[in-house]
Amino acid sequence: MTFKIVHSNLNVKDLNKSVAFYQKALGLKEERRVKAPDGSFELVFIGDGQSGHQIELTWLRDKEGPYNLGDNESHIAFVVDDYAAAYKLHGEMGCISFENKAMGLYFIEDPDGYWLEILPARR
């Protein structure tokens, strides 16, 4: 029996804002969209076009208030080929939420408060 990771899910309050953030901050592109016939939810699958792994952004019509992320100890990690350029972009966007210079990494925060780890290609 073999399993393959295909996607991770993040629930979001503003689907268009989230898609725009992931496109600008990480270069991810929309690969597929699913809308419920009754309008109760919408899913957007975004990916990097390389790994095959996708992030499923889920919008729920009836969700009120922000999502409870607990201690926000979960994250998705991204490796970038130009760490300095990524750091500059994310600094300009104002989305860097935590930096560990000793480990050579930092985290950015998406519009819903999810943390995304940014790593250099060679560590």
C-alpha atoms as a PDB file:
ATOM      1  CA  MET A   1       0.000   0.000   0.000  1.00  0.00           C
ATOM      2  CA  THR A   2       1.408   3.385  -1.027  1.00  0.00           C
ATOM      3  CA  PHE A   3       0.197   6.847  -0.065  1.00  0.00           C
ATOM      4  CA  LYS A   4       1.021  10.116  -1.812  1.00  0.00           C
ATOM      5  CA  ILE A   5       0.488  13.582  -0.309  1.00  0.00           C
ATOM      6  CA  VAL A   6      -1.650  15.593  -2.729  1.00  0.00           C
ATOM      7  CA  HIS A   7      -2.828  18.680  -0.850  1.00  0.00           C
ATOM      8  CA  SER A   8      -3.061  20.553   2.433  1.00  0.00           C
ATOM      9  CA  ASN A   9      -6.167  22.517   3.418  1.00  0.00           C
ATOM     10  CA  LEU A  10      -6.412  26.040   4.810  1.00  0.00           C
ATOM     11  CA  ASN A  11      -9.801  27.598   5.538  1.00  0.00           C
ATOM     12  CA  VAL A  12      -9.941  31.263   4.574  1.00  0.00           C
ATOM     13  CA  LYS A  13     -12.324  34.177   5.153  1.00  0.00           C
ATOM     14  CA  ASP A  14     -11.697  36.069   1.878  1.00  0.00           C
ATOM     15  CA  LEU A  15     -10.908  33.705  -0.976  1.00  0.00           C
ATOM     16  CA  ASN A  16      -9.869  36.366  -3.492  1.00  0.00           C
ATOM     17  CA  LYS A  17      -7.587  38.091  -0.969  1.00  0.00           C
ATOM     18  CA  SER A  18      -5.954  34.767  -0.084  1.00  0.00           C
ATOM     19  CA  VAL A  19      -5.440  33.705  -3.712  1.00  0.00           C
ATOM     20  CA  ALA A  20      -3.857  37.108  -4.455  1.00  0.00           C
ATOM     21  CA  PHE A  21      -1.583  36.809  -1.403  1.00  0.00           C
ATOM     22  CA  TYR A  22      -0.318  33.335  -2.333  1.00  0.00           C
ATOM     23  CA  GLN A  23       0.280  34.435  -5.922  1.00  0.00           C
ATOM     24  CA  LYS A  24       2.251  37.523  -4.911  1.00  0.00           C
ATOM     25  CA  ALA A  25       4.101  36.149  -1.873  1.00  0.00           C
ATOM     26  CA  LEU A  26       4.921  32.654  -3.150  1.00  0.00           C
ATOM     27  CA  GLY A  27       4.251  32.601  -6.884  1.00  0.00           C
ATOM     28  CA  LEU A  28       1.561  29.929  -6.490  1.00  0.00           C
ATOM     29  CA  LYS A  29      -1.035  29.701  -9.221  1.00  0.00           C
ATOM     30  CA  GLU A  30      -4.638  28.598  -9.230  1.00  0.00           C
ATOM     31  CA  GLU A  31      -4.854  25.081 -10.677  1.00  0.00           C
ATOM     32  CA  ARG A  32      -8.474  24.188 -10.039  1.00  0.00           C
ATOM     33  CA  ARG A  33     -11.644  25.702  -8.570  1.00  0.00           C
ATOM     34  CA  VAL A  34     -14.727  23.928  -7.213  1.00  0.00           C
ATOM     35  CA  LYS A  35     -17.953  25.725  -6.308  1.00  0.00           C
ATOM     36  CA  ALA A  36     -20.809  24.105  -4.413  1.00  0.00           C
ATOM     37  CA  PRO A  37     -24.042  24.205  -6.444  1.00  0.00           C
ATOM     38  CA  ASP A  38     -25.801  25.878  -3.505  1.00  0.00           C
ATOM     39  CA  GLY A  39     -22.994  28.420  -2.966  1.00  0.00           C
ATOM     40  CA  SER A  40     -22.188  27.123   0.518  1.00  0.00           C
ATOM     41  CA  PHE A  41     -18.477  26.688  -0.179  1.00  0.00           C
ATOM     42  CA  GLU A  42     -15.781  27.299  -2.736  1.00  0.00           C
ATOM     43  CA  LEU A  43     -12.409  25.584  -3.047  1.00  0.00           C
ATOM     44  CA  VAL A  44      -9.366  26.886  -4.870  1.00  0.00           C
ATOM     45  CA  PHE A  45      -6.421  24.558  -5.343  1.00  0.00           C
ATOM     46  CA  ILE A  46      -3.137  26.442  -5.768  1.00  0.00           C
ATOM     47  CA  GLY A  47       0.248  24.963  -6.589  1.00  0.00           C
ATOM     48  CA  ASP A  48       3.826  25.705  -7.554  1.00  0.00           C
ATOM     49  CA  GLY A  49       3.655  23.814 -10.857  1.00  0.00           C
ATOM     50  CA  GLN A  50       6.627  21.666  -9.842  1.00  0.00           C
ATOM     51  CA  SER A  51       6.032  19.486  -6.802  1.00  0.00           C
ATOM     52  CA  GLY A  52       2.503  18.242  -7.495  1.00  0.00           C
ATOM     53  CA  HIS A  53       1.477  19.239  -3.966  1.00  0.00           C
ATOM     54  CA  GLN A  54      -1.355  21.746  -3.739  1.00  0.00           C
ATOM     55  CA  ILE A  55      -2.844  23.954  -1.072  1.00  0.00           C
ATOM     56  CA  GLU A  56      -6.631  23.825  -0.941  1.00  0.00           C
ATOM     57  CA  LEU A  57      -8.009  27.200   0.088  1.00  0.00           C
ATOM     58  CA  THR A  58     -11.533  26.632   1.404  1.00  0.00           C
ATOM     59  CA  TRP A  59     -14.109  29.394   1.763  1.00  0.00           C
ATOM     60  CA  LEU A  60     -17.280  28.610   3.722  1.00  0.00           C
ATOM     61  CA  ARG A  61     -20.240  30.967   3.178  1.00  0.00           C
ATOM     62  CA  ASP A  62     -21.733  30.522   6.645  1.00  0.00           C
ATOM     63  CA  LYS A  63     -18.511  30.849   8.661  1.00  0.00           C
ATOM     64  CA  GLU A  64     -18.650  33.822  10.988  1.00  0.00           C
ATOM     65  CA  GLY A  65     -15.606  35.368  12.640  1.00  0.00           C
ATOM     66  CA  PRO A  66     -11.954  34.409  12.260  1.00  0.00           C
ATOM     67  CA  TYR A  67     -10.712  30.834  12.356  1.00  0.00           C
ATOM     68  CA  ASN A  68      -9.231  29.631  15.639  1.00  0.00           C
ATOM     69  CA  LEU A  69      -5.633  28.695  14.818  1.00  0.00           C
ATOM     70  CA  GLY A  70      -4.809  27.720  18.393  1.00  0.00           C
ATOM     71  CA  ASP A  71      -1.142  28.340  19.110  1.00  0.00           C
ATOM     72  CA  ASN A  72      -0.448  28.421  15.348  1.00  0.00           C
ATOM     73  CA  GLU A  73       2.220  25.747  15.687  1.00  0.00           C
ATOM     74  CA  SER A  74       1.347  24.180  12.329  1.00  0.00           C
ATOM     75  CA  HIS A  75       2.850  25.526   9.135  1.00  0.00           C
ATOM     76  CA  ILE A  76       3.724  24.741   5.526  1.00  0.00           C
ATOM     77  CA  ALA A  77       7.370  25.146   4.493  1.00  0.00           C
ATOM     78  CA  PHE A  78       8.630  26.532   1.192  1.00  0.00           C
ATOM     79  CA  VAL A  79      12.150  26.408  -0.225  1.00  0.00           C
ATOM     80  CA  VAL A  80      13.124  29.418  -2.330  1.00  0.00           C
ATOM     81  CA  ASP A  81      16.007  29.680  -4.814  1.00  0.00           C
ATOM     82  CA  ASP A  82      16.653  33.393  -4.044  1.00  0.00           C
ATOM     83  CA  TYR A  83      16.275  33.809  -0.294  1.00  0.00           C
ATOM     84  CA  ALA A  84      17.433  37.453  -0.267  1.00  0.00           C
ATOM     85  CA  ALA A  85      14.893  38.473  -2.935  1.00  0.00           C
ATOM     86  CA  ALA A  86      12.101  36.593  -1.132  1.00  0.00           C
ATOM     87  CA  TYR A  87      13.014  38.248   2.167  1.00  0.00           C
ATOM     88  CA  LYS A  88      12.961  41.664   0.496  1.00  0.00           C
ATOM     89  CA  LEU A  89       9.550  41.004  -1.115  1.00  0.00           C
ATOM     90  CA  HIS A  90       8.034  39.713   2.116  1.00  0.00           C
ATOM     91  CA  GLY A  91       9.484  42.655   4.049  1.00  0.00           C
ATOM     92  CA  GLU A  92       7.907  45.060   1.552  1.00  0.00           C
ATOM     93  CA  MET A  93       4.603  43.189   1.867  1.00  0.00           C
ATOM     94  CA  GLY A  94       4.815  43.462   5.666  1.00  0.00           C
ATOM     95  CA  CYS A  95       4.027  39.792   6.146  1.00  0.00           C
ATOM     96  CA  ILE A  96       7.165  38.537   7.967  1.00  0.00           C
ATOM     97  CA  SER A  97       5.895  37.284  11.320  1.00  0.00           C
ATOM     98  CA  PHE A  98       8.979  35.630  12.830  1.00  0.00           C
ATOM     99  CA  GLU A  99      12.633  35.312  11.943  1.00  0.00           C
ATOM    100  CA  ASN A 100      15.272  32.911  13.235  1.00  0.00           C
ATOM    101  CA  LYS A 101      18.567  34.251  11.882  1.00  0.00           C
ATOM    102  CA  ALA A 102      20.572  31.567  13.680  1.00  0.00           C
ATOM    103  CA  MET A 103      18.690  28.871  11.767  1.00  0.00           C
ATOM    104  CA  GLY A 104      18.587  30.888   8.538  1.00  0.00           C
ATOM    105  CA  LEU A 105      14.801  30.904   8.127  1.00  0.00           C
ATOM    106  CA  TYR A 106      11.746  33.053   8.646  1.00  0.00           C
ATOM    107  CA  PHE A 107       7.982  32.806   8.603  1.00  0.00           C
ATOM    108  CA  ILE A 108       5.392  34.876   6.797  1.00  0.00           C
ATOM    109  CA  GLU A 109       1.755  35.205   7.790  1.00  0.00           C
ATOM    110  CA  ASP A 110      -1.118  34.960   5.313  1.00  0.00           C
ATOM    111  CA  PRO A 111      -4.303  37.077   5.532  1.00  0.00           C
ATOM    112  CA  ASP A 112      -5.944  34.563   7.904  1.00  0.00           C
ATOM    113  CA  GLY A 113      -2.970  34.250  10.238  1.00  0.00           C
ATOM    114  CA  TYR A 114      -1.492  30.980   8.951  1.00  0.00           C
ATOM    115  CA  TRP A 115       2.298  30.846   9.164  1.00  0.00           C
ATOM    116  CA  LEU A 116       4.393  29.784   6.167  1.00  0.00           C
ATOM    117  CA  GLU A 117       8.064  28.908   6.642  1.00  0.00           C
ATOM    118  CA  ILE A 118      10.592  30.213   4.123  1.00  0.00           C
ATOM    119  CA  LEU A 119      13.849  28.298   3.724  1.00  0.00           C
ATOM    120  CA  PRO A 120      16.843  28.875   1.469  1.00  0.00           C
ATOM    121  CA  ALA A 121      17.437  26.256  -1.226  1.00  0.00           C
ATOM    122  CA  ARG A 122      20.751  25.144   0.285  1.00  0.00           C
ATOM    123  CA  ARG A 123      21.084  24.917   4.041  1.00  0.00           C
END
